[in-house]
Amino acid sequence: MFVIGGKWKIPIILSIYSGNRRFNDIAHSIPHITNRVLSKVLKHLEENLMIKRTIVDDYPVRIEYTVTDHCLSIESVAGPMEEWGKGHKKRIAEPLE
């Protein structure tokens, strides 16, 4: 949970996974995230091998982010968590007896 828990990590991973590779594209795809928080979380995810930061030697120099194979391995955990979340949502929506 330390690696993927928190408010912003999963939305950032999903943004990169869906094709947003540059910092500004990621920032614009996630409402209400600040540049400071995005920068901090990207560094954390990179340190934990969830994303890869690539410097593209062009003019101007570009930095792109991609998800790693290691990051994709959480899919086996994320599926059951999603199913649990759906069941939990239904349960709390039921009237109390």
PDB file of N, CA and C in Angstrom:
ATOM      1  N   MET A   1       0.826  -1.197   0.000  1.00  0.00           N
ATOM      2  CA  MET A   1       0.000   0.000   0.000  1.00  0.00           C
ATOM      3  C   MET A   1       0.868   1.258   0.000  1.00  0.00           C
ATOM      4  N   PHE A   2       2.085   1.166   0.540  1.00  0.00           N
ATOM      5  CA  PHE A   2       2.983   2.315   0.543  1.00  0.00           C
ATOM      6  C   PHE A   2       3.303   2.753  -0.887  1.00  0.00           C
ATOM      7  N   VAL A   3       3.438   1.786  -1.787  1.00  0.00           N
ATOM      8  CA  VAL A   3       3.839   2.095  -3.155  1.00  0.00           C
ATOM      9  C   VAL A   3       2.691   2.652  -3.978  1.00  0.00           C
ATOM     10  N   ILE A   4       1.482   2.110  -3.825  1.00  0.00           N
ATOM     11  CA  ILE A   4       0.368   2.551  -4.680  1.00  0.00           C
ATOM     12  C   ILE A   4      -0.763   3.223  -3.914  1.00  0.00           C
ATOM     13  N   GLY A   5      -0.664   3.302  -2.590  1.00  0.00           N
ATOM     14  CA  GLY A   5      -1.720   3.928  -1.800  1.00  0.00           C
ATOM     15  C   GLY A   5      -1.647   5.437  -1.862  1.00  0.00           C
ATOM     16  N   GLY A   6      -2.714   6.072  -1.447  1.00  0.00           N
ATOM     17  CA  GLY A   6      -2.759   7.526  -1.429  1.00  0.00           C
ATOM     18  C   GLY A   6      -3.720   8.063  -2.470  1.00  0.00           C
ATOM     19  N   LYS A   7      -3.900   9.345  -2.438  1.00  0.00           N
ATOM     20  CA  LYS A   7      -4.890  10.007  -3.281  1.00  0.00           C
ATOM     21  C   LYS A   7      -4.499  10.064  -4.760  1.00  0.00           C
ATOM     22  N   TRP A   8      -3.218  10.210  -5.061  1.00  0.00           N
ATOM     23  CA  TRP A   8      -2.821  10.548  -6.424  1.00  0.00           C
ATOM     24  C   TRP A   8      -2.117   9.441  -7.201  1.00  0.00           C
ATOM     25  N   LYS A   9      -1.584   8.428  -6.551  1.00  0.00           N
ATOM     26  CA  LYS A   9      -0.738   7.454  -7.247  1.00  0.00           C
ATOM     27  C   LYS A   9      -1.487   6.674  -8.325  1.00  0.00           C
ATOM     28  N   ILE A  10      -2.632   6.125  -7.993  1.00  0.00           N
ATOM     29  CA  ILE A  10      -3.392   5.354  -8.982  1.00  0.00           C
ATOM     30  C   ILE A  10      -3.859   6.245 -10.133  1.00  0.00           C
ATOM     31  N   PRO A  11      -4.418   7.445  -9.870  1.00  0.00           N
ATOM     32  CA  PRO A  11      -4.789   8.299 -11.010  1.00  0.00           C
ATOM     33  C   PRO A  11      -3.602   8.640 -11.917  1.00  0.00           C
ATOM     34  N   ILE A  12      -2.422   8.828 -11.340  1.00  0.00           N
ATOM     35  CA  ILE A  12      -1.239   9.128 -12.153  1.00  0.00           C
ATOM     36  C   ILE A  12      -0.845   7.911 -12.983  1.00  0.00           C
ATOM     37  N   ILE A  13      -0.823   6.744 -12.360  1.00  0.00           N
ATOM     38  CA  ILE A  13      -0.498   5.520 -13.098  1.00  0.00           C
ATOM     39  C   ILE A  13      -1.488   5.311 -14.231  1.00  0.00           C
ATOM     40  N   LEU A  14      -2.776   5.493 -13.958  1.00  0.00           N
ATOM     41  CA  LEU A  14      -3.795   5.309 -14.994  1.00  0.00           C
ATOM     42  C   LEU A  14      -3.646   6.333 -16.115  1.00  0.00           C
ATOM     43  N   SER A  15      -3.289   7.553 -15.768  1.00  0.00           N
ATOM     44  CA  SER A  15      -3.082   8.584 -16.782  1.00  0.00           C
ATOM     45  C   SER A  15      -1.932   8.213 -17.712  1.00  0.00           C
ATOM     46  N   ILE A  16      -0.826   7.770 -17.132  1.00  0.00           N
ATOM     47  CA  ILE A  16       0.324   7.378 -17.944  1.00  0.00           C
ATOM     48  C   ILE A  16      -0.024   6.147 -18.774  1.00  0.00           C
ATOM     49  N   TYR A  17      -0.706   5.191 -18.154  1.00  0.00           N
ATOM     50  CA  TYR A  17      -1.099   3.960 -18.851  1.00  0.00           C
ATOM     51  C   TYR A  17      -1.994   4.266 -20.051  1.00  0.00           C
ATOM     52  N   SER A  18      -2.837   5.301 -19.921  1.00  0.00           N
ATOM     53  CA  SER A  18      -3.760   5.633 -21.017  1.00  0.00           C
ATOM     54  C   SER A  18      -3.119   6.497 -22.097  1.00  0.00           C
ATOM     55  N   GLY A  19      -1.826   6.785 -21.971  1.00  0.00           N
ATOM     56  CA  GLY A  19      -1.135   7.463 -23.066  1.00  0.00           C
ATOM     57  C   GLY A  19      -0.579   8.838 -22.774  1.00  0.00           C
ATOM     58  N   ASN A  20      -0.842   9.376 -21.600  1.00  0.00           N
ATOM     59  CA  ASN A  20      -0.290  10.686 -21.248  1.00  0.00           C
ATOM     60  C   ASN A  20       1.145  10.479 -20.763  1.00  0.00           C
ATOM     61  N   ARG A  21       2.113  10.846 -21.581  1.00  0.00           N
ATOM     62  CA  ARG A  21       3.510  10.554 -21.273  1.00  0.00           C
ATOM     63  C   ARG A  21       4.287  11.761 -20.764  1.00  0.00           C
ATOM     64  N   ARG A  22       3.813  12.960 -21.044  1.00  0.00           N
ATOM     65  CA  ARG A  22       4.537  14.163 -20.651  1.00  0.00           C
ATOM     66  C   ARG A  22       3.908  14.771 -19.408  1.00  0.00           C
ATOM     67  N   PHE A  23       4.726  15.496 -18.636  1.00  0.00           N
ATOM     68  CA  PHE A  23       4.300  16.052 -17.352  1.00  0.00           C
ATOM     69  C   PHE A  23       3.003  16.857 -17.484  1.00  0.00           C
ATOM     70  N   ASN A  24       2.959  17.797 -18.433  1.00  0.00           N
ATOM     71  CA  ASN A  24       1.770  18.642 -18.579  1.00  0.00           C
ATOM     72  C   ASN A  24       0.540  17.849 -18.999  1.00  0.00           C
ATOM     73  N   ASP A  25       0.728  16.824 -19.838  1.00  0.00           N
ATOM     74  CA  ASP A  25      -0.408  15.987 -20.239  1.00  0.00           C
ATOM     75  C   ASP A  25      -0.973  15.237 -19.029  1.00  0.00           C
ATOM     76  N   ILE A  26      -0.083  14.727 -18.198  1.00  0.00           N
ATOM     77  CA  ILE A  26      -0.519  14.028 -16.984  1.00  0.00           C
ATOM     78  C   ILE A  26      -1.243  15.003 -16.066  1.00  0.00           C
ATOM     79  N   ALA A  27      -0.653  16.182 -15.873  1.00  0.00           N
ATOM     80  CA  ALA A  27      -1.250  17.199 -14.983  1.00  0.00           C
ATOM     81  C   ALA A  27      -2.639  17.604 -15.456  1.00  0.00           C
ATOM     82  N   HIS A  28      -2.802  17.795 -16.766  1.00  0.00           N
ATOM     83  CA  HIS A  28      -4.105  18.226 -17.287  1.00  0.00           C
ATOM     84  C   HIS A  28      -5.157  17.127 -17.234  1.00  0.00           C
ATOM     85  N   SER A  29      -4.711  15.877 -17.178  1.00  0.00           N
ATOM     86  CA  SER A  29      -5.676  14.769 -17.159  1.00  0.00           C
ATOM     87  C   SER A  29      -6.205  14.464 -15.758  1.00  0.00           C
ATOM     88  N   ILE A  30      -5.592  15.075 -14.729  1.00  0.00           N
ATOM     89  CA  ILE A  30      -5.992  14.797 -13.342  1.00  0.00           C
ATOM     90  C   ILE A  30      -6.450  16.104 -12.697  1.00  0.00           C
ATOM     91  N   PRO A  31      -7.752  16.279 -12.508  1.00  0.00           N
ATOM     92  CA  PRO A  31      -8.257  17.528 -11.919  1.00  0.00           C
ATOM     93  C   PRO A  31      -7.715  17.765 -10.505  1.00  0.00           C
ATOM     94  N   HIS A  32      -7.383  19.003 -10.231  1.00  0.00           N
ATOM     95  CA  HIS A  32      -7.004  19.492  -8.896  1.00  0.00           C
ATOM     96  C   HIS A  32      -5.635  19.042  -8.401  1.00  0.00           C
ATOM     97  N   ILE A  33      -4.822  18.407  -9.222  1.00  0.00           N
ATOM     98  CA  ILE A  33      -3.476  18.044  -8.769  1.00  0.00           C
ATOM     99  C   ILE A  33      -2.545  19.228  -9.030  1.00  0.00           C
ATOM    100  N   THR A  34      -1.686  19.510  -8.079  1.00  0.00           N
ATOM    101  CA  THR A  34      -0.733  20.607  -8.260  1.00  0.00           C
ATOM    102  C   THR A  34       0.552  20.063  -8.897  1.00  0.00           C
ATOM    103  N   ASN A  35       1.302  20.942  -9.532  1.00  0.00           N
ATOM    104  CA  ASN A  35       2.561  20.536 -10.150  1.00  0.00           C
ATOM    105  C   ASN A  35       3.529  19.990  -9.106  1.00  0.00           C
ATOM    106  N   ARG A  36       3.534  20.586  -7.935  1.00  0.00           N
ATOM    107  CA  ARG A  36       4.432  20.147  -6.863  1.00  0.00           C
ATOM    108  C   ARG A  36       4.109  18.715  -6.435  1.00  0.00           C
ATOM    109  N   VAL A  37       2.832  18.438  -6.233  1.00  0.00           N
ATOM    110  CA  VAL A  37       2.416  17.090  -5.825  1.00  0.00           C
ATOM    111  C   VAL A  37       2.695  16.093  -6.943  1.00  0.00           C
ATOM    112  N   LEU A  38       2.379  16.470  -8.175  1.00  0.00           N
ATOM    113  CA  LEU A  38       2.628  15.568  -9.304  1.00  0.00           C
ATOM    114  C   LEU A  38       4.108  15.229  -9.398  1.00  0.00           C
ATOM    115  N   SER A  39       4.959  16.219  -9.288  1.00  0.00           N
ATOM    116  CA  SER A  39       6.402  15.996  -9.351  1.00  0.00           C
ATOM    117  C   SER A  39       6.863  15.041  -8.245  1.00  0.00           C
ATOM    118  N   LYS A  40       6.380  15.264  -7.042  1.00  0.00           N
ATOM    119  CA  LYS A  40       6.753  14.432  -5.891  1.00  0.00           C
ATOM    120  C   LYS A  40       6.304  12.981  -6.081  1.00  0.00           C
ATOM    121  N   VAL A  41       5.073  12.796  -6.531  1.00  0.00           N
ATOM    122  CA  VAL A  41       4.540  11.437  -6.707  1.00  0.00           C
ATOM    123  C   VAL A  41       5.227  10.730  -7.875  1.00  0.00           C
ATOM    124  N   LEU A  42       5.521  11.457  -8.956  1.00  0.00           N
ATOM    125  CA  LEU A  42       6.246  10.843 -10.070  1.00  0.00           C
ATOM    126  C   LEU A  42       7.607  10.332  -9.605  1.00  0.00           C
ATOM    127  N   LYS A  43       8.300  11.098  -8.791  1.00  0.00           N
ATOM    128  CA  LYS A  43       9.604  10.659  -8.262  1.00  0.00           C
ATOM    129  C   LYS A  43       9.439   9.408  -7.402  1.00  0.00           C
ATOM    130  N   HIS A  44       8.411   9.396  -6.556  1.00  0.00           N
ATOM    131  CA  HIS A  44       8.148   8.236  -5.699  1.00  0.00           C
ATOM    132  C   HIS A  44       7.866   6.995  -6.550  1.00  0.00           C
ATOM    133  N   LEU A  45       7.028   7.138  -7.568  1.00  0.00           N
ATOM    134  CA  LEU A  45       6.690   5.999  -8.417  1.00  0.00           C
ATOM    135  C   LEU A  45       7.915   5.510  -9.195  1.00  0.00           C
ATOM    136  N   GLU A  46       8.759   6.435  -9.614  1.00  0.00           N
ATOM    137  CA  GLU A  46       9.981   6.042 -10.317  1.00  0.00           C
ATOM    138  C   GLU A  46      10.936   5.299  -9.385  1.00  0.00           C
ATOM    139  N   GLU A  47      11.101   5.780  -8.171  1.00  0.00           N
ATOM    140  CA  GLU A  47      11.971   5.124  -7.195  1.00  0.00           C
ATOM    141  C   GLU A  47      11.504   3.709  -6.876  1.00  0.00           C
ATOM    142  N   ASN A  48      10.196   3.481  -6.958  1.00  0.00           N
ATOM    143  CA  ASN A  48       9.624   2.174  -6.653  1.00  0.00           C
ATOM    144  C   ASN A  48       9.378   1.332  -7.903  1.00  0.00           C
ATOM    145  N   LEU A  49      10.011   1.732  -9.015  1.00  0.00           N
ATOM    146  CA  LEU A  49      10.004   0.979 -10.274  1.00  0.00           C
ATOM    147  C   LEU A  49       8.621   0.797 -10.886  1.00  0.00           C
ATOM    148  N   MET A  50       7.702   1.700 -10.572  1.00  0.00           N
ATOM    149  CA  MET A  50       6.358   1.626 -11.141  1.00  0.00           C
ATOM    150  C   MET A  50       6.270   2.360 -12.484  1.00  0.00           C
ATOM    151  N   ILE A  51       7.086   3.390 -12.644  1.00  0.00           N
ATOM    152  CA  ILE A  51       7.137   4.118 -13.901  1.00  0.00           C
ATOM    153  C   ILE A  51       8.597   4.308 -14.298  1.00  0.00           C
ATOM    154  N   LYS A  52       8.787   4.565 -15.581  1.00  0.00           N
ATOM    155  CA  LYS A  52      10.135   4.828 -16.085  1.00  0.00           C
ATOM    156  C   LYS A  52      10.158   6.239 -16.645  1.00  0.00           C
ATOM    157  N   ARG A  53      11.181   6.978 -16.278  1.00  0.00           N
ATOM    158  CA  ARG A  53      11.388   8.342 -16.753  1.00  0.00           C
ATOM    159  C   ARG A  53      12.456   8.292 -17.838  1.00  0.00           C
ATOM    160  N   THR A  54      12.111   8.797 -19.028  1.00  0.00           N
ATOM    161  CA  THR A  54      13.040   8.776 -20.147  1.00  0.00           C
ATOM    162  C   THR A  54      13.274  10.200 -20.622  1.00  0.00           C
ATOM    163  N   ILE A  55      14.556  10.542 -20.784  1.00  0.00           N
ATOM    164  CA  ILE A  55      14.910  11.852 -21.325  1.00  0.00           C
ATOM    165  C   ILE A  55      15.111  11.672 -22.824  1.00  0.00           C
ATOM    166  N   VAL A  56      14.295  12.387 -23.608  1.00  0.00           N
ATOM    167  CA  VAL A  56      14.372  12.309 -25.062  1.00  0.00           C
ATOM    168  C   VAL A  56      15.283  13.439 -25.532  1.00  0.00           C
ATOM    169  N   ASP A  57      16.403  13.059 -26.126  1.00  0.00           N
ATOM    170  CA  ASP A  57      17.399  14.035 -26.566  1.00  0.00           C
ATOM    171  C   ASP A  57      16.924  14.690 -27.862  1.00  0.00           C
ATOM    172  N   ASP A  58      16.216  15.760 -27.701  1.00  0.00           N
ATOM    173  CA  ASP A  58      15.634  16.510 -28.803  1.00  0.00           C
ATOM    174  C   ASP A  58      15.797  17.971 -28.447  1.00  0.00           C
ATOM    175  N   TYR A  59      15.345  18.846 -29.282  1.00  0.00           N
ATOM    176  CA  TYR A  59      15.360  20.256 -28.909  1.00  0.00           C
ATOM    177  C   TYR A  59      13.949  20.786 -28.965  1.00  0.00           C
ATOM    178  N   PRO A  60      13.398  21.235 -27.875  1.00  0.00           N
ATOM    179  CA  PRO A  60      13.962  21.155 -26.530  1.00  0.00           C
ATOM    180  C   PRO A  60      13.914  19.722 -25.982  1.00  0.00           C
ATOM    181  N   VAL A  61      14.729  19.484 -24.981  1.00  0.00           N
ATOM    182  CA  VAL A  61      14.778  18.159 -24.346  1.00  0.00           C
ATOM    183  C   VAL A  61      13.401  17.849 -23.769  1.00  0.00           C
ATOM    184  N   ARG A  62      12.917  16.616 -23.995  1.00  0.00           N
ATOM    185  CA  ARG A  62      11.629  16.184 -23.467  1.00  0.00           C
ATOM    186  C   ARG A  62      11.839  15.086 -22.444  1.00  0.00           C
ATOM    187  N   ILE A  63      10.956  15.050 -21.473  1.00  0.00           N
ATOM    188  CA  ILE A  63      10.945  13.969 -20.490  1.00  0.00           C
ATOM    189  C   ILE A  63       9.608  13.255 -20.630  1.00  0.00           C
ATOM    190  N   GLU A  64       9.676  11.946 -20.786  1.00  0.00           N
ATOM    191  CA  GLU A  64       8.464  11.147 -20.943  1.00  0.00           C
ATOM    192  C   GLU A  64       8.426  10.057 -19.868  1.00  0.00           C
ATOM    193  N   TYR A  65       7.216   9.719 -19.465  1.00  0.00           N
ATOM    194  CA  TYR A  65       6.997   8.692 -18.450  1.00  0.00           C
ATOM    195  C   TYR A  65       6.210   7.545 -19.061  1.00  0.00           C
ATOM    196  N   THR A  66       6.567   6.327 -18.705  1.00  0.00           N
ATOM    197  CA  THR A  66       5.833   5.137 -19.118  1.00  0.00           C
ATOM    198  C   THR A  66       5.707   4.207 -17.910  1.00  0.00           C
ATOM    199  N   VAL A  67       4.665   3.383 -17.925  1.00  0.00           N
ATOM    200  CA  VAL A  67       4.524   2.395 -16.858  1.00  0.00           C
ATOM    201  C   VAL A  67       5.466   1.226 -17.158  1.00  0.00           C
ATOM    202  N   THR A  68       5.943   0.592 -16.120  1.00  0.00           N
ATOM    203  CA  THR A  68       6.863  -0.540 -16.271  1.00  0.00           C
ATOM    204  C   THR A  68       6.089  -1.853 -16.246  1.00  0.00           C
ATOM    205  N   ASP A  69       6.763  -2.918 -16.653  1.00  0.00           N
ATOM    206  CA  ASP A  69       6.157  -4.254 -16.554  1.00  0.00           C
ATOM    207  C   ASP A  69       5.851  -4.582 -15.093  1.00  0.00           C
ATOM    208  N   HIS A  70       6.722  -4.119 -14.208  1.00  0.00           N
ATOM    209  CA  HIS A  70       6.498  -4.330 -12.774  1.00  0.00           C
ATOM    210  C   HIS A  70       5.185  -3.664 -12.337  1.00  0.00           C
ATOM    211  N   CYS A  71       4.913  -2.496 -12.845  1.00  0.00           N
ATOM    212  CA  CYS A  71       3.668  -1.791 -12.521  1.00  0.00           C
ATOM    213  C   CYS A  71       2.461  -2.573 -13.029  1.00  0.00           C
ATOM    214  N   LEU A  72       2.591  -3.131 -14.208  1.00  0.00           N
ATOM    215  CA  LEU A  72       1.475  -3.888 -14.778  1.00  0.00           C
ATOM    216  C   LEU A  72       1.159  -5.138 -13.970  1.00  0.00           C
ATOM    217  N   SER A  73       2.113  -5.595 -13.161  1.00  0.00           N
ATOM    218  CA  SER A  73       1.880  -6.793 -12.348  1.00  0.00           C
ATOM    219  C   SER A  73       0.851  -6.552 -11.242  1.00  0.00           C
ATOM    220  N   ILE A  74       0.513  -5.286 -10.936  1.00  0.00           N
ATOM    221  CA  ILE A  74      -0.504  -5.036  -9.902  1.00  0.00           C
ATOM    222  C   ILE A  74      -1.913  -5.299 -10.412  1.00  0.00           C
ATOM    223  N   GLU A  75      -2.042  -5.570 -11.722  1.00  0.00           N
ATOM    224  CA  GLU A  75      -3.357  -5.846 -12.282  1.00  0.00           C
ATOM    225  C   GLU A  75      -4.018  -7.037 -11.599  1.00  0.00           C
ATOM    226  N   SER A  76      -3.225  -8.030 -11.234  1.00  0.00           N
ATOM    227  CA  SER A  76      -3.795  -9.211 -10.572  1.00  0.00           C
ATOM    228  C   SER A  76      -4.328  -8.874  -9.183  1.00  0.00           C
ATOM    229  N   VAL A  77      -3.833  -7.810  -8.592  1.00  0.00           N
ATOM    230  CA  VAL A  77      -4.303  -7.367  -7.279  1.00  0.00           C
ATOM    231  C   VAL A  77      -5.432  -6.350  -7.432  1.00  0.00           C
ATOM    232  N   ALA A  78      -5.325  -5.505  -8.450  1.00  0.00           N
ATOM    233  CA  ALA A  78      -6.292  -4.422  -8.634  1.00  0.00           C
ATOM    234  C   ALA A  78      -7.686  -4.947  -8.991  1.00  0.00           C
ATOM    235  N   GLY A  79      -7.759  -6.033  -9.759  1.00  0.00           N
ATOM    236  CA  GLY A  79      -9.056  -6.602 -10.141  1.00  0.00           C
ATOM    237  C   GLY A  79      -9.885  -7.008  -8.930  1.00  0.00           C
ATOM    238  N   PRO A  80      -9.338  -7.853  -8.046  1.00  0.00           N
ATOM    239  CA  PRO A  80     -10.086  -8.218  -6.837  1.00  0.00           C
ATOM    240  C   PRO A  80     -10.411  -7.017  -5.942  1.00  0.00           C
ATOM    241  N   MET A  81      -9.518  -6.025  -5.888  1.00  0.00           N
ATOM    242  CA  MET A  81      -9.803  -4.831  -5.085  1.00  0.00           C
ATOM    243  C   MET A  81     -10.990  -4.067  -5.670  1.00  0.00           C
ATOM    244  N   GLU A  82     -11.062  -4.006  -6.996  1.00  0.00           N
ATOM    245  CA  GLU A  82     -12.187  -3.333  -7.644  1.00  0.00           C
ATOM    246  C   GLU A  82     -13.497  -4.054  -7.346  1.00  0.00           C
ATOM    247  N   GLU A  83     -13.475  -5.382  -7.423  1.00  0.00           N
ATOM    248  CA  GLU A  83     -14.678  -6.162  -7.124  1.00  0.00           C
ATOM    249  C   GLU A  83     -15.104  -5.971  -5.674  1.00  0.00           C
ATOM    250  N   TRP A  84     -14.146  -5.964  -4.758  1.00  0.00           N
ATOM    251  CA  TRP A  84     -14.471  -5.724  -3.356  1.00  0.00           C
ATOM    252  C   TRP A  84     -15.088  -4.349  -3.196  1.00  0.00           C
ATOM    253  N   GLY A  85     -14.521  -3.357  -3.853  1.00  0.00           N
ATOM    254  CA  GLY A  85     -15.040  -1.987  -3.764  1.00  0.00           C
ATOM    255  C   GLY A  85     -16.473  -1.881  -4.260  1.00  0.00           C
ATOM    256  N   LYS A  86     -16.787  -2.562  -5.345  1.00  0.00           N
ATOM    257  CA  LYS A  86     -18.158  -2.554  -5.873  1.00  0.00           C
ATOM    258  C   LYS A  86     -19.117  -3.188  -4.866  1.00  0.00           C
ATOM    259  N   GLY A  87     -18.703  -4.319  -4.282  1.00  0.00           N
ATOM    260  CA  GLY A  87     -19.542  -4.975  -3.276  1.00  0.00           C
ATOM    261  C   GLY A  87     -19.713  -4.110  -2.041  1.00  0.00           C
ATOM    262  N   HIS A  88     -18.655  -3.461  -1.639  1.00  0.00           N
ATOM    263  CA  HIS A  88     -18.711  -2.573  -0.473  1.00  0.00           C
ATOM    264  C   HIS A  88     -19.654  -1.405  -0.728  1.00  0.00           C
ATOM    265  N   LYS A  89     -19.593  -0.840  -1.904  1.00  0.00           N
ATOM    266  CA  LYS A  89     -20.467   0.287  -2.248  1.00  0.00           C
ATOM    267  C   LYS A  89     -21.933  -0.126  -2.182  1.00  0.00           C
ATOM    268  N   LYS A  90     -22.231  -1.326  -2.699  1.00  0.00           N
ATOM    269  CA  LYS A  90     -23.604  -1.833  -2.631  1.00  0.00           C
ATOM    270  C   LYS A  90     -24.031  -2.041  -1.180  1.00  0.00           C
ATOM    271  N   ARG A  91     -23.120  -2.578  -0.391  1.00  0.00           N
ATOM    272  CA  ARG A  91     -23.455  -2.879   1.008  1.00  0.00           C
ATOM    273  C   ARG A  91     -23.766  -1.610   1.800  1.00  0.00           C
ATOM    274  N   ILE A  92     -22.978  -0.577   1.617  1.00  0.00           N
ATOM    275  CA  ILE A  92     -23.235   0.641   2.388  1.00  0.00           C
ATOM    276  C   ILE A  92     -24.432   1.414   1.855  1.00  0.00           C
ATOM    277  N   ALA A  93     -24.837   1.115   0.619  1.00  0.00           N
ATOM    278  CA  ALA A  93     -26.013   1.772   0.050  1.00  0.00           C
ATOM    279  C   ALA A  93     -27.310   1.124   0.512  1.00  0.00           C
ATOM    280  N   GLU A  94     -27.229  -0.092   1.054  1.00  0.00           N
ATOM    281  CA  GLU A  94     -28.415  -0.814   1.522  1.00  0.00           C
ATOM    282  C   GLU A  94     -28.954  -0.135   2.799  1.00  0.00           C
ATOM    283  N   PRO A  95     -30.282  -0.137   2.947  1.00  0.00           N
ATOM    284  CA  PRO A  95     -30.853   0.427   4.178  1.00  0.00           C
ATOM    285  C   PRO A  95     -30.447  -0.408   5.402  1.00  0.00           C
ATOM    286  N   LEU A  96     -30.246   0.247   6.509  1.00  0.00           N
ATOM    287  CA  LEU A  96     -29.888  -0.439   7.747  1.00  0.00           C
ATOM    288  C   LEU A  96     -31.095  -1.227   8.269  1.00  0.00           C
ATOM    289  N   GLU A  97     -30.837  -2.380   8.826  1.00  0.00           N
ATOM    290  CA  GLU A  97     -31.928  -3.202   9.366  1.00  0.00           C
ATOM    291  C   GLU A  97     -32.055  -3.028  10.841  1.00  0.00           C
TER     292      GLU A  97
END
